[in-house]
Protein backbone atom coordinates (compact mmCIF):
# COMPACT_ATOMS: atom_id res chain seq x y z
CA UNK A 1 -18.16 -12.88 19.72
CA UNK A 2 -16.43 -9.94 19.64
CA UNK A 3 -13.24 -9.99 18.73
CA UNK A 4 -10.99 -8.80 21.82
CA UNK A 5 -7.97 -7.96 20.54
CA UNK A 6 -5.98 -4.49 19.89
CA UNK A 7 -4.98 -3.71 16.45
CA UNK A 8 -3.47 -0.55 15.76
CA UNK A 9 -2.84 0.47 11.61
CA UNK A 10 -0.29 3.47 11.72
CA UNK A 11 -0.26 5.11 8.26
CA UNK A 12 2.34 8.19 7.68
CA UNK A 13 1.13 10.87 5.74
CA UNK A 14 2.14 11.63 2.68
CA UNK A 15 5.60 10.00 3.50
CA UNK A 16 8.18 11.03 0.93
CA UNK A 17 6.98 14.31 0.42
CA UNK A 18 6.39 14.81 4.08
CA UNK A 19 10.72 13.87 4.17
CA UNK A 20 11.22 15.81 1.41
CA UNK A 21 9.28 19.06 3.19
CA UNK A 22 11.14 18.41 6.75
CA UNK A 23 15.08 18.14 4.41
CA UNK A 24 13.72 21.63 2.29
CA UNK A 25 12.00 23.93 4.69
CA UNK A 26 12.31 26.72 2.15
CA UNK A 27 9.68 24.95 0.47
CA UNK A 28 6.92 25.55 3.39
CA UNK A 29 3.21 25.67 2.23
CA UNK A 30 4.59 24.80 -1.38
CA UNK A 31 2.82 22.13 -3.42
CA UNK A 32 5.46 19.36 -3.70
CA UNK A 33 5.72 15.95 -5.45
CA UNK A 34 8.24 13.12 -5.55
CA UNK A 35 8.63 11.23 -8.41
CA UNK A 36 9.98 11.43 -12.35
CA UNK A 37 10.78 14.81 -13.42
CA UNK A 38 10.59 14.05 -17.46
CA UNK A 39 7.02 15.00 -18.78
CA UNK A 40 6.54 11.30 -19.42
CA UNK A 41 7.53 10.41 -16.03
CA UNK A 42 4.74 9.09 -12.77
CA UNK A 43 4.86 10.81 -10.11
CA UNK A 44 5.55 8.69 -6.69
CA UNK A 45 3.13 10.62 -4.01
CA UNK A 46 2.51 14.49 -3.03
CA UNK A 47 1.91 16.67 -0.29
CA UNK A 48 -1.38 17.91 0.48
CA UNK A 49 -0.70 21.40 -0.85
CA UNK A 50 -0.41 20.20 -4.36
CA UNK A 51 -3.18 17.82 -3.67
CA UNK A 52 -5.52 20.70 -3.46
CA UNK A 53 -5.11 21.11 -7.20
CA UNK A 54 -6.24 17.72 -8.09
CA UNK A 55 -2.69 16.10 -7.96
CA UNK A 56 -2.72 12.89 -6.90
CA UNK A 57 0.30 9.73 -6.67
CA UNK A 58 1.09 7.68 -9.75
CA UNK A 59 -0.41 10.78 -11.94
CA UNK A 60 1.85 11.42 -14.87
CA UNK A 61 3.67 14.60 -14.78
CA UNK A 62 2.47 16.43 -17.61
CA UNK A 63 -0.95 16.29 -16.34
CA UNK A 64 0.51 17.20 -12.86
CA UNK A 65 2.18 20.32 -14.67
CA UNK A 66 -0.98 20.77 -16.10
CA UNK A 67 -3.50 21.24 -13.10
CA UNK A 68 -0.32 22.96 -11.09
CA UNK A 69 2.13 24.72 -13.06
CA UNK A 70 4.04 26.27 -10.17
CA UNK A 71 4.63 22.44 -8.70
CA UNK A 72 7.90 21.47 -7.46
CA UNK A 73 9.01 17.59 -8.05
CA UNK A 74 11.91 16.46 -6.13
CA UNK A 75 13.36 13.44 -7.59
CA UNK A 76 13.08 10.45 -5.12
CA UNK A 77 15.90 9.51 -2.58
CA UNK A 78 14.82 5.84 -0.78
CA UNK A 79 17.94 5.60 1.26
CA UNK A 80 16.85 9.11 3.35
CA UNK A 81 13.30 7.39 3.01
CA UNK A 82 14.63 4.12 4.52
CA UNK A 83 16.26 6.00 7.43
CA UNK A 84 12.82 7.84 8.39
CA UNK A 85 11.33 4.20 8.24
CA UNK A 86 13.89 2.33 10.15
CA UNK A 87 13.77 5.76 12.91
CA UNK A 88 9.78 5.06 13.07
CA UNK A 89 9.93 0.84 13.22
CA UNK A 90 12.28 1.63 16.29
CA UNK A 91 9.31 3.12 18.14
CA UNK A 92 7.19 0.66 17.38
CA UNK A 93 9.39 -2.03 18.99
CA UNK A 94 9.36 -0.32 22.55
CA UNK A 95 5.62 -0.45 22.13
CA UNK A 96 4.79 -4.54 20.66
CA UNK A 97 6.94 -6.91 19.31
CA UNK A 98 4.03 -7.84 16.99
CA UNK A 99 4.81 -5.38 14.30
CA UNK A 100 3.93 -6.14 10.54
CA UNK A 101 5.10 -3.57 7.96
CA UNK A 102 3.64 -3.58 5.12
CA UNK A 103 5.84 -0.58 3.62
CA UNK A 104 7.93 1.99 5.06
CA UNK A 105 4.98 4.03 5.31
CA UNK A 106 2.38 1.71 7.63
CA UNK A 107 2.43 -0.82 9.34
CA UNK A 108 0.12 -3.11 11.88
CA UNK A 109 0.40 -3.06 15.55
CA UNK A 110 -0.88 -5.49 17.94
CA UNK A 111 -1.06 -3.97 21.33
CA UNK A 112 -3.91 -6.22 22.83
CA UNK A 113 -1.13 -6.98 25.90
CA UNK A 114 -0.41 -3.36 26.70
CA UNK A 115 -3.09 -2.77 30.14
CA UNK A 116 -3.16 1.65 28.45
CA UNK A 117 -5.94 1.94 25.99
CA UNK A 118 -5.16 2.23 22.25
CA UNK A 119 -6.44 5.71 22.18
CA UNK A 120 -3.73 6.29 24.43
CA UNK A 121 -1.04 4.23 22.91
CA UNK A 122 -1.41 5.61 19.56
CA UNK A 123 -1.61 8.92 20.40
CA UNK A 124 2.00 8.32 22.79
CA UNK A 125 3.12 6.54 19.25
CA UNK A 126 2.35 9.38 17.08
CA UNK A 127 4.01 11.99 18.80
CA UNK A 128 7.06 10.03 19.90
CA UNK A 129 7.42 9.40 15.99
CA UNK A 130 7.00 13.38 15.43
CA UNK A 131 9.74 14.41 17.99
CA UNK A 132 11.74 11.86 16.74
CA UNK A 133 11.41 12.51 12.90
CA UNK A 134 9.14 15.82 12.68
CA UNK A 135 6.72 13.57 10.32
CA UNK A 136 3.58 13.25 11.24
CA UNK A 137 1.27 10.29 11.23
CA UNK A 138 -2.51 8.91 11.81
CA UNK A 139 -3.73 6.00 13.65
CA UNK A 140 -6.41 3.90 13.32
CA UNK A 141 -7.49 1.89 16.40
CA UNK A 142 -9.75 -1.20 15.85
CA UNK A 143 -9.94 -4.94 16.87
CA UNK A 144 -8.89 -6.18 13.68
CA UNK A 145 -6.40 -5.38 10.40
CA UNK A 146 -9.76 -4.63 8.28
CA UNK A 147 -11.07 -1.94 10.65
CA UNK A 148 -8.12 -0.32 11.96
CA UNK A 149 -6.74 0.20 8.20
CA UNK A 150 -9.76 1.82 7.14
CA UNK A 151 -10.05 3.90 10.47
CA UNK A 152 -6.50 5.02 9.96
CA UNK A 153 -7.62 7.01 6.63
CA UNK A 154 -10.83 9.10 8.13
CA UNK A 155 -8.75 11.71 9.96
CA UNK A 156 -5.84 12.28 7.84
CA UNK A 157 -3.68 13.92 7.93
CA UNK A 158 -1.97 13.50 11.71
CA UNK A 159 -5.50 12.30 13.38
CA UNK A 160 -6.61 8.31 14.73
CA UNK A 161 -9.71 7.28 14.76
CA UNK A 162 -10.96 4.00 17.32
CA UNK A 163 -13.92 1.92 16.44
CA UNK A 164 -14.34 -0.08 19.55
CA UNK A 165 -15.39 -3.72 19.30
CA UNK A 166 -19.07 -2.98 19.86
CA UNK A 167 -19.23 -0.15 16.60
CA UNK A 168 -17.75 -2.85 14.07
CA UNK A 169 -20.88 -3.31 12.71
CA UNK A 170 -22.33 0.47 12.58
CA UNK A 171 -19.13 1.59 11.61
CA UNK A 172 -18.63 -0.47 8.11
CA UNK A 173 -22.36 -1.09 6.68
CA UNK A 174 -21.97 2.64 5.56
CA UNK A 175 -18.58 2.44 3.65
CA UNK A 176 -18.30 2.12 0.16
CA UNK A 177 -17.50 -1.17 -0.57
CA UNK A 178 -14.25 -0.55 -2.17
CA UNK A 179 -13.19 0.04 1.08
CA UNK A 180 -13.22 -3.48 1.41
CA UNK A 181 -9.41 -4.92 1.25
CA UNK A 182 -9.60 -7.20 -2.36
CA UNK A 183 -12.49 -4.96 -4.02
CA UNK A 184 -11.12 -3.38 -7.20
CA UNK A 185 -12.62 -1.88 -9.74
CA UNK A 186 -13.89 -4.37 -11.55
CA UNK A 187 -15.49 -6.67 -8.88
CA UNK A 188 -17.15 -2.85 -7.69
CA UNK A 189 -18.51 -2.28 -10.89
CA UNK A 190 -20.08 -5.41 -10.83
CA UNK A 191 -20.92 -5.79 -7.47
CA UNK A 192 -22.88 -2.19 -8.04
CA UNK A 193 -24.96 -3.81 -11.45
CA UNK A 194 -26.51 -5.90 -8.55
CA UNK A 195 -27.16 -2.51 -7.09
CA UNK A 196 -24.99 -2.36 -4.10
CA UNK A 197 -22.57 0.16 -3.53
CA UNK A 198 -21.85 -0.36 0.34
CA UNK A 199 -21.59 -2.74 2.91
CA UNK A 200 -24.19 -2.52 4.42
CA UNK A 201 -26.01 -3.20 0.89
CA UNK A 202 -23.33 -6.12 0.16
CA UNK A 203 -24.72 -7.49 3.98
CA UNK A 204 -28.40 -8.38 2.27
CA UNK A 205 -26.53 -11.29 -0.34
CA UNK A 206 -25.93 -15.03 1.08
CA UNK A 207 -22.77 -16.48 1.20
CA UNK A 208 -24.25 -18.45 -1.46
CA UNK A 209 -25.18 -15.72 -4.12
CA UNK A 210 -21.75 -14.36 -3.62
CA UNK A 211 -19.82 -17.38 -4.03
CA UNK A 212 -21.87 -17.77 -7.20
CA UNK A 213 -20.55 -14.60 -8.48
CA UNK A 214 -17.08 -14.21 -7.19
CA UNK A 215 -16.10 -17.74 -6.30
CA UNK A 216 -13.88 -18.24 -3.44
CA UNK A 217 -13.62 -14.53 -2.69
CA UNK A 218 -17.45 -14.56 -2.46
CA UNK A 219 -17.06 -16.48 1.02
CA UNK A 220 -14.53 -13.68 2.06
CA UNK A 221 -16.40 -11.02 1.12
CA UNK A 222 -19.74 -12.26 3.60
CA UNK A 223 -17.44 -11.81 6.56
CA UNK A 224 -15.56 -9.02 5.09
CA UNK A 225 -18.36 -6.90 4.68
CA UNK A 226 -19.28 -7.35 8.45
CA UNK A 227 -16.32 -6.25 9.87
CA UNK A 228 -15.15 -9.93 10.47
CA UNK A 229 -11.68 -10.36 10.13
CA UNK A 230 -9.28 -13.04 11.54
CA UNK A 231 -6.03 -12.62 10.37
CA UNK A 232 -3.45 -12.15 13.07
CA UNK A 233 -0.37 -9.99 12.96
CA UNK A 234 2.54 -10.87 11.70
CA UNK A 235 6.10 -9.97 12.31
CA UNK A 236 7.95 -12.86 11.42
CA UNK A 237 6.85 -13.46 8.14
CA UNK A 238 9.43 -15.78 5.54
CA UNK A 239 9.02 -14.46 2.15
CA UNK A 240 8.51 -15.99 -0.51
CA UNK A 241 8.73 -13.00 -2.91
CA UNK A 242 9.58 -9.41 -2.56
CA UNK A 243 8.33 -6.85 -4.83
CA UNK A 244 5.83 -3.52 -4.98
CA UNK A 245 3.26 -2.63 -7.60
CA UNK A 246 1.33 0.22 -7.89
CA UNK A 247 -2.11 1.17 -9.28
CA UNK A 248 -2.12 4.58 -11.11
CA UNK A 249 -4.87 7.31 -10.96
CA UNK A 250 -4.84 7.48 -14.56
CA UNK A 251 -3.65 5.02 -16.99
CA UNK A 252 -0.26 4.83 -18.61
CA UNK A 253 -0.90 5.29 -22.54
CA UNK A 254 2.59 4.24 -23.55
CA UNK A 255 5.59 1.35 -23.23
CA UNK A 256 7.64 4.70 -22.71
CA UNK A 257 5.50 6.14 -19.89
CA UNK A 258 5.38 2.32 -18.39
CA UNK A 259 9.07 2.13 -18.79
CA UNK A 260 9.84 5.05 -16.76
CA UNK A 261 7.41 4.17 -13.92
CA UNK A 262 9.48 0.36 -13.91
CA UNK A 263 12.29 2.77 -13.63
CA UNK A 264 11.01 4.59 -10.41
CA UNK A 265 9.67 1.23 -8.77
CA UNK A 266 12.81 -0.41 -9.42
CA UNK A 267 15.09 2.08 -7.22
CA UNK A 268 12.08 0.96 -4.73
CA UNK A 269 12.77 -2.26 -4.97
CA UNK A 270 16.51 -2.64 -4.63
CA UNK A 271 16.43 -0.24 -1.55
CA UNK A 272 13.68 -2.92 -0.22
CA UNK A 273 16.04 -6.11 -1.30
CA UNK A 274 18.72 -4.72 0.88
CA UNK A 275 17.25 -3.61 3.81
CA UNK A 276 15.10 -6.47 4.10
CA UNK A 277 15.89 -9.56 2.44
CA UNK A 278 20.13 -8.90 2.54
CA UNK A 279 21.11 -12.28 2.65
CA UNK A 280 18.13 -13.84 0.13
CA UNK A 281 19.17 -15.40 -3.19
CA UNK A 282 16.43 -14.57 -5.74
CA UNK A 283 15.88 -17.52 -8.12
CA UNK A 284 13.29 -15.02 -10.50
CA UNK A 285 13.03 -11.91 -11.25
CA UNK A 286 9.04 -11.08 -12.73
CA UNK A 287 7.03 -7.81 -13.89
CA UNK A 288 2.80 -7.82 -13.97
CA UNK A 289 0.85 -6.24 -15.75
CA UNK A 290 -2.83 -4.88 -15.34
CA UNK A 291 -4.46 -3.82 -18.40
CA UNK A 292 -7.21 -0.75 -19.03
CA UNK A 293 -9.88 -3.75 -19.89
CA UNK A 294 -8.84 -5.68 -16.44
CA UNK A 295 -7.06 -8.48 -18.33
CA UNK A 296 -3.41 -9.30 -16.24
CA UNK A 297 -0.51 -10.63 -17.50
CA UNK A 298 2.95 -11.76 -15.62
CA UNK A 299 6.19 -12.13 -17.11
CA UNK A 300 9.32 -13.95 -15.15
CA UNK A 301 12.49 -15.47 -15.74
CA UNK A 302 15.56 -17.09 -14.03
CA UNK A 303 17.79 -14.59 -12.35
CA UNK A 304 20.01 -13.85 -9.45
CA UNK A 305 20.20 -10.35 -9.77
CA UNK A 306 18.03 -7.34 -10.13
CA UNK A 307 18.91 -5.86 -12.96
CA UNK A 308 17.55 -3.02 -14.89
CA UNK A 309 17.73 -4.18 -18.10
CA UNK A 310 15.91 -7.67 -17.37
CA UNK A 311 13.25 -6.18 -15.95
CA UNK A 312 12.44 -3.66 -18.63
CA UNK A 313 12.85 -7.04 -21.42
CA UNK A 314 10.24 -8.43 -18.94
CA UNK A 315 8.05 -5.57 -19.68
CA UNK A 316 8.52 -5.47 -23.86
CA UNK A 317 7.31 -8.93 -22.92
CA UNK A 318 4.07 -8.35 -21.01
CA UNK A 319 3.56 -4.91 -23.04
CA UNK A 320 3.10 -6.90 -26.19
CA UNK A 321 0.88 -9.48 -24.78
CA UNK A 322 -1.69 -6.77 -25.24
CA UNK A 323 -0.49 -2.98 -26.15
CA UNK A 324 -3.17 -1.52 -23.87
CA UNK A 325 -2.81 1.05 -21.46
CA UNK A 326 -1.53 -0.30 -18.42
CA UNK A 327 -3.62 0.42 -15.32
CA UNK A 328 -1.12 -1.79 -12.79
CA UNK A 329 2.45 -1.92 -12.64
CA UNK A 330 4.35 -4.38 -10.22
CA UNK A 331 7.80 -6.01 -10.45
CA UNK A 332 9.66 -8.56 -8.22
CA UNK A 333 11.86 -11.16 -7.20
CA UNK A 334 10.80 -14.62 -6.05
CA UNK A 335 13.48 -16.28 -3.57
CA UNK A 336 15.26 -19.24 -3.88
CA UNK A 337 13.35 -21.77 -0.93
CA UNK A 338 14.93 -22.43 2.11
CA UNK A 339 16.05 -25.92 2.29
CA UNK A 340 16.01 -25.71 6.20
CA UNK A 341 12.45 -24.55 6.68
CA UNK A 342 10.58 -24.67 3.26
CA UNK A 343 7.43 -25.25 5.26
CA UNK A 344 7.42 -21.80 6.70
CA UNK A 345 7.44 -20.07 3.41
CA UNK A 346 4.79 -17.46 3.15
CA UNK A 347 3.64 -15.40 -0.17
CA UNK A 348 4.05 -11.52 0.50
CA UNK A 349 3.69 -9.58 -2.66
């Protein structure tokens, strides 16, 4: 049975860099990145002019400068990005109350109740975003969240892609398995060993085979590779935790590089806390790492505040468990449970 839902995934184009380009018109046409300016720092994001030189988000600054010596690197200004994000969410609210933000620069919208076509609505929303903020957005329109998110990436920048319910099977079959949420490098490598690189090829495996290879996630894979995703757009989740994480295009080779990346993510975390959970009480803080050999570890401690010195202490503890280069760094807080409605809490990180 085909889904009757109309889901739109809005994804802002190189958001942080785009905001900085708007604020610095004198830099028009130049390659721009946002992030740590020190040689051992990492980039948060970059514009499309920089990407033409091979520069990517989460790339160490020293490597980015080798690829693009005239790269303009600007400091991160989360307050500015927050203000732009708030204006964009105000626009979303004019069309639906079913909005699920994923970050400052992307969100799902459920427009099923609207009588107009999803393509027209997405185009209107994107136009209104540009009129209000002078920033461009891309969109994916589909019957579920999985397909909408994939589609929003296909016609970037400043474009959109519609996948009708009748086209879901045709759309997903040729896609690489890495397009499926939850499939990381390790899972993709294991699938490649089995001769599977596309969703269509993955569909040839039975549920029992996938469960044998990947456990409970294998059963989820069976549905996702067919474009089946029944997750609703959730607009009122009560968070159990709040955090951010970054998977780096190139591993962080030293503890010093990890420290620099952590401080950037910590600034973002504080901004997120002040905006999304100003009244929530913090019970614990945590740092998690994924190393180059794909082992994971998490260090956490009781705390009532998200102090940078405490996160650095947890980073040192987590790093010391391996000492291998780091491919993913995450940090966040766990909130004290609400005594009035503990059963409503959901994990958001």
